[in-house]
Amino acid sequence: MSEAVLVKKLRPGARLPTRGSATATGFDLHACLDEPLLLGRAPQAVPTGIAIEAPPGYDVQVRPRSGLSMAGVGVAFGTIDADYRGELLVTMWVFGDRAAYEVEPGERIAQLVIGRVAEVQLVEASELGATARGDSRHGSTGR
């Protein structure tokens, strides 16, 4: 049996997250707005009208939708901690050649992806194991 993530609608117009297909890993998050919201280059918090309760041991992330990204609309990755009960807000802005984007009420704006948290400990070490890559700079494996 699967674990349950509880979802609470906080106001009228809020929609429960839904999967776009039977095998989708993300649940679509919808904008909960009374009227369209004009995005510009400055990040704005777009409300979803929902709050969640994830079981301890789960990692809940807000991720961009690829279609919006291709259209020049950015969404910041975000982590929803298991003890957070506030409204889910999606940080959005425009980039590239796009000057503005109008978010419509009910529009799919991001994805909610849920996975298990790995039970690990971070341990300070004076040395790390050697690899072929070594300590080469960020992005050193190419494009």
C-alpha atoms as a PDB file:
ATOM      1  CA  MET A   1       0.000   0.000   0.000  1.00  0.00           C
ATOM      2  CA  SER A   2       1.276   3.461  -0.815  1.00  0.00           C
ATOM      3  CA  GLU A   3       1.789   6.305   1.623  1.00  0.00           C
ATOM      4  CA  ALA A   4      -0.662   9.207   1.588  1.00  0.00           C
ATOM      5  CA  VAL A   5       0.252  12.845   1.097  1.00  0.00           C
ATOM      6  CA  LEU A   6      -2.602  14.928   2.487  1.00  0.00           C
ATOM      7  CA  VAL A   7      -3.661  17.958   0.446  1.00  0.00           C
ATOM      8  CA  LYS A   8      -5.785  20.777   1.876  1.00  0.00           C
ATOM      9  CA  LYS A   9      -7.520  23.350  -0.320  1.00  0.00           C
ATOM     10  CA  LEU A  10      -7.057  26.731   1.318  1.00  0.00           C
ATOM     11  CA  ARG A  11      -9.549  28.752  -0.725  1.00  0.00           C
ATOM     12  CA  PRO A  12     -12.053  28.583  -3.581  1.00  0.00           C
ATOM     13  CA  GLY A  13     -10.486  27.957  -6.959  1.00  0.00           C
ATOM     14  CA  ALA A  14      -7.752  25.720  -5.558  1.00  0.00           C
ATOM     15  CA  ARG A  15      -7.230  22.468  -7.457  1.00  0.00           C
ATOM     16  CA  LEU A  16      -5.726  19.232  -6.252  1.00  0.00           C
ATOM     17  CA  PRO A  17      -2.456  18.318  -7.991  1.00  0.00           C
ATOM     18  CA  THR A  18      -3.016  15.811 -10.800  1.00  0.00           C
ATOM     19  CA  ARG A  19      -0.852  13.548 -12.939  1.00  0.00           C
ATOM     20  CA  GLY A  20      -0.931  14.324 -16.653  1.00  0.00           C
ATOM     21  CA  SER A  21      -0.677  10.625 -17.526  1.00  0.00           C
ATOM     22  CA  ALA A  22      -0.765   7.268 -15.769  1.00  0.00           C
ATOM     23  CA  THR A  23       3.038   6.998 -15.669  1.00  0.00           C
ATOM     24  CA  ALA A  24       3.919  10.655 -14.995  1.00  0.00           C
ATOM     25  CA  THR A  25       6.253  11.074 -12.024  1.00  0.00           C
ATOM     26  CA  GLY A  26       5.119  14.628 -11.299  1.00  0.00           C
ATOM     27  CA  PHE A  27       1.772  16.011 -10.185  1.00  0.00           C
ATOM     28  CA  ASP A  28       0.762  19.240 -11.938  1.00  0.00           C
ATOM     29  CA  LEU A  29       0.372  22.259  -9.674  1.00  0.00           C
ATOM     30  CA  HIS A  30      -2.208  24.859 -10.711  1.00  0.00           C
ATOM     31  CA  ALA A  31      -2.190  28.626 -10.195  1.00  0.00           C
ATOM     32  CA  CYS A  32      -4.894  29.702  -7.744  1.00  0.00           C
ATOM     33  CA  LEU A  33      -5.602  33.256  -8.891  1.00  0.00           C
ATOM     34  CA  ASP A  34      -8.698  35.471  -8.994  1.00  0.00           C
ATOM     35  CA  GLU A  35      -7.415  37.118 -12.177  1.00  0.00           C
ATOM     36  CA  PRO A  36      -4.465  36.670 -14.555  1.00  0.00           C
ATOM     37  CA  LEU A  37      -1.030  37.554 -13.151  1.00  0.00           C
ATOM     38  CA  LEU A  38       1.575  39.223 -15.366  1.00  0.00           C
ATOM     39  CA  LEU A  39       5.091  37.857 -14.840  1.00  0.00           C
ATOM     40  CA  GLY A  40       8.189  39.851 -15.674  1.00  0.00           C
ATOM     41  CA  ARG A  41      11.889  39.337 -15.086  1.00  0.00           C
ATOM     42  CA  ALA A  42      11.615  39.762 -11.297  1.00  0.00           C
ATOM     43  CA  PRO A  43      10.693  36.532  -9.487  1.00  0.00           C
ATOM     44  CA  GLN A  44       7.133  36.399  -8.183  1.00  0.00           C
ATOM     45  CA  ALA A  45       5.486  33.920  -5.808  1.00  0.00           C
ATOM     46  CA  VAL A  46       2.437  32.420  -7.548  1.00  0.00           C
ATOM     47  CA  PRO A  47      -0.092  30.866  -5.145  1.00  0.00           C
ATOM     48  CA  THR A  48      -1.454  27.344  -5.603  1.00  0.00           C
ATOM     49  CA  GLY A  49      -4.184  27.589  -2.964  1.00  0.00           C
ATOM     50  CA  ILE A  50      -3.110  24.294  -1.370  1.00  0.00           C
ATOM     51  CA  ALA A  51      -1.074  23.058   1.575  1.00  0.00           C
ATOM     52  CA  ILE A  52       0.243  19.527   1.994  1.00  0.00           C
ATOM     53  CA  GLU A  53       1.262  17.101   4.709  1.00  0.00           C
ATOM     54  CA  ALA A  54       3.889  14.657   3.518  1.00  0.00           C
ATOM     55  CA  PRO A  55       4.883  11.716   5.701  1.00  0.00           C
ATOM     56  CA  PRO A  56       8.299  11.942   7.371  1.00  0.00           C
ATOM     57  CA  GLY A  57      10.963  10.347   5.200  1.00  0.00           C
ATOM     58  CA  TYR A  58       9.639  11.794   1.934  1.00  0.00           C
ATOM     59  CA  ASP A  59      11.219  14.449  -0.259  1.00  0.00           C
ATOM     60  CA  VAL A  60       8.688  16.755  -1.929  1.00  0.00           C
ATOM     61  CA  GLN A  61      10.009  19.065  -4.645  1.00  0.00           C
ATOM     62  CA  VAL A  62       8.509  21.766  -6.838  1.00  0.00           C
ATOM     63  CA  ARG A  63       9.971  21.510 -10.344  1.00  0.00           C
ATOM     64  CA  PRO A  64       9.533  23.388 -13.631  1.00  0.00           C
ATOM     65  CA  ARG A  65       7.267  22.202 -16.438  1.00  0.00           C
ATOM     66  CA  SER A  66       9.244  21.656 -19.622  1.00  0.00           C
ATOM     67  CA  GLY A  67       6.664  23.381 -21.850  1.00  0.00           C
ATOM     68  CA  LEU A  68       6.847  26.597 -19.832  1.00  0.00           C
ATOM     69  CA  SER A  69      10.644  26.425 -19.751  1.00  0.00           C
ATOM     70  CA  MET A  70      10.756  26.167 -23.550  1.00  0.00           C
ATOM     71  CA  ALA A  71       8.489  29.231 -23.711  1.00  0.00           C
ATOM     72  CA  GLY A  72      10.895  31.299 -21.576  1.00  0.00           C
ATOM     73  CA  VAL A  73       9.029  30.992 -18.272  1.00  0.00           C
ATOM     74  CA  GLY A  74      11.209  30.023 -15.328  1.00  0.00           C
ATOM     75  CA  VAL A  75      10.211  28.144 -12.197  1.00  0.00           C
ATOM     76  CA  ALA A  76      12.563  27.802  -9.238  1.00  0.00           C
ATOM     77  CA  PHE A  77      13.170  24.355  -7.816  1.00  0.00           C
ATOM     78  CA  GLY A  78      11.891  24.177  -4.270  1.00  0.00           C
ATOM     79  CA  THR A  79      11.821  21.681  -1.417  1.00  0.00           C
ATOM     80  CA  ILE A  80       8.753  21.273   0.782  1.00  0.00           C
ATOM     81  CA  ASP A  81       9.833  19.995   4.187  1.00  0.00           C
ATOM     82  CA  ALA A  82       7.657  17.366   5.881  1.00  0.00           C
ATOM     83  CA  ASP A  83       6.813  19.776   8.727  1.00  0.00           C
ATOM     84  CA  TYR A  84       5.775  22.717   6.480  1.00  0.00           C
ATOM     85  CA  ARG A  85       2.018  23.378   6.482  1.00  0.00           C
ATOM     86  CA  GLY A  86       1.811  26.711   4.682  1.00  0.00           C
ATOM     87  CA  GLU A  87       0.523  27.381   1.190  1.00  0.00           C
ATOM     88  CA  LEU A  88       2.639  26.047  -1.663  1.00  0.00           C
ATOM     89  CA  LEU A  89       3.945  29.010  -3.638  1.00  0.00           C
ATOM     90  CA  VAL A  90       5.733  28.662  -6.969  1.00  0.00           C
ATOM     91  CA  THR A  91       8.492  31.185  -7.733  1.00  0.00           C
ATOM     92  CA  MET A  92       8.186  32.203 -11.399  1.00  0.00           C
ATOM     93  CA  TRP A  93       9.743  34.729 -13.814  1.00  0.00           C
ATOM     94  CA  VAL A  94      10.456  35.151 -17.523  1.00  0.00           C
ATOM     95  CA  PHE A  95      13.834  34.821 -19.239  1.00  0.00           C
ATOM     96  CA  GLY A  96      15.467  34.916 -22.655  1.00  0.00           C
ATOM     97  CA  ASP A  97      13.703  37.053 -25.261  1.00  0.00           C
ATOM     98  CA  ARG A  98      10.372  36.980 -23.436  1.00  0.00           C
ATOM     99  CA  ALA A  99       9.408  40.297 -21.813  1.00  0.00           C
ATOM    100  CA  ALA A 100       6.319  39.078 -19.955  1.00  0.00           C
ATOM    101  CA  TYR A 101       3.996  36.104 -19.490  1.00  0.00           C
ATOM    102  CA  GLU A 102       0.421  36.075 -18.252  1.00  0.00           C
ATOM    103  CA  VAL A 103      -0.404  33.257 -15.818  1.00  0.00           C
ATOM    104  CA  GLU A 104      -4.080  32.340 -16.059  1.00  0.00           C
ATOM    105  CA  PRO A 105      -6.193  31.165 -13.097  1.00  0.00           C
ATOM    106  CA  GLY A 106      -6.086  27.357 -12.947  1.00  0.00           C
ATOM    107  CA  GLU A 107      -3.100  27.117 -15.319  1.00  0.00           C
ATOM    108  CA  ARG A 108      -0.601  24.300 -14.762  1.00  0.00           C
ATOM    109  CA  ILE A 109       2.501  26.127 -13.542  1.00  0.00           C
ATOM    110  CA  ALA A 110       4.854  23.534 -12.039  1.00  0.00           C
ATOM    111  CA  GLN A 111       5.184  19.915 -10.992  1.00  0.00           C
ATOM    112  CA  LEU A 112       5.228  18.355  -7.550  1.00  0.00           C
ATOM    113  CA  VAL A 113       7.606  15.370  -7.444  1.00  0.00           C
ATOM    114  CA  ILE A 114       7.699  13.108  -4.392  1.00  0.00           C
ATOM    115  CA  GLY A 115      10.410  10.594  -3.505  1.00  0.00           C
ATOM    116  CA  ARG A 116      11.911   8.875  -0.515  1.00  0.00           C
ATOM    117  CA  VAL A 117      14.702  10.499   1.457  1.00  0.00           C
ATOM    118  CA  ALA A 118      17.880   8.444   1.626  1.00  0.00           C
ATOM    119  CA  GLU A 119      18.852   7.683   5.217  1.00  0.00           C
ATOM    120  CA  VAL A 120      22.487   8.807   5.254  1.00  0.00           C
ATOM    121  CA  GLN A 121      24.851  10.609   7.555  1.00  0.00           C
ATOM    122  CA  LEU A 122      27.288  13.295   6.473  1.00  0.00           C
ATOM    123  CA  VAL A 123      30.692  12.527   7.949  1.00  0.00           C
ATOM    124  CA  GLU A 124      33.608  14.943   7.897  1.00  0.00           C
ATOM    125  CA  ALA A 125      36.693  13.446   6.247  1.00  0.00           C
ATOM    126  CA  SER A 126      40.261  14.674   5.884  1.00  0.00           C
ATOM    127  CA  GLU A 127      40.656  12.852   2.533  1.00  0.00           C
ATOM    128  CA  LEU A 128      38.330  11.594  -0.204  1.00  0.00           C
ATOM    129  CA  GLY A 129      38.792   8.586  -2.478  1.00  0.00           C
ATOM    130  CA  ALA A 130      40.594   9.166  -5.792  1.00  0.00           C
ATOM    131  CA  THR A 131      38.738   9.078  -9.153  1.00  0.00           C
ATOM    132  CA  ALA A 132      39.785   9.537 -12.787  1.00  0.00           C
ATOM    133  CA  ARG A 133      38.105  12.948 -12.782  1.00  0.00           C
ATOM    134  CA  GLY A 134      39.697  14.029  -9.527  1.00  0.00           C
ATOM    135  CA  ASP A 135      38.969  17.569  -8.386  1.00  0.00           C
ATOM    136  CA  SER A 136      38.504  19.034 -11.897  1.00  0.00           C
ATOM    137  CA  ARG A 137      36.328  22.110 -12.066  1.00  0.00           C
ATOM    138  CA  HIS A 138      32.520  22.197 -12.237  1.00  0.00           C
ATOM    139  CA  GLY A 139      31.369  21.238 -15.742  1.00  0.00           C
ATOM    140  CA  SER A 140      34.697  19.616 -16.598  1.00  0.00           C
ATOM    141  CA  THR A 141      33.169  16.491 -18.193  1.00  0.00           C
ATOM    142  CA  GLY A 142      31.940  18.505 -21.179  1.00  0.00           C
ATOM    143  CA  ARG A 143      28.593  19.534 -22.560  1.00  0.00           C
END
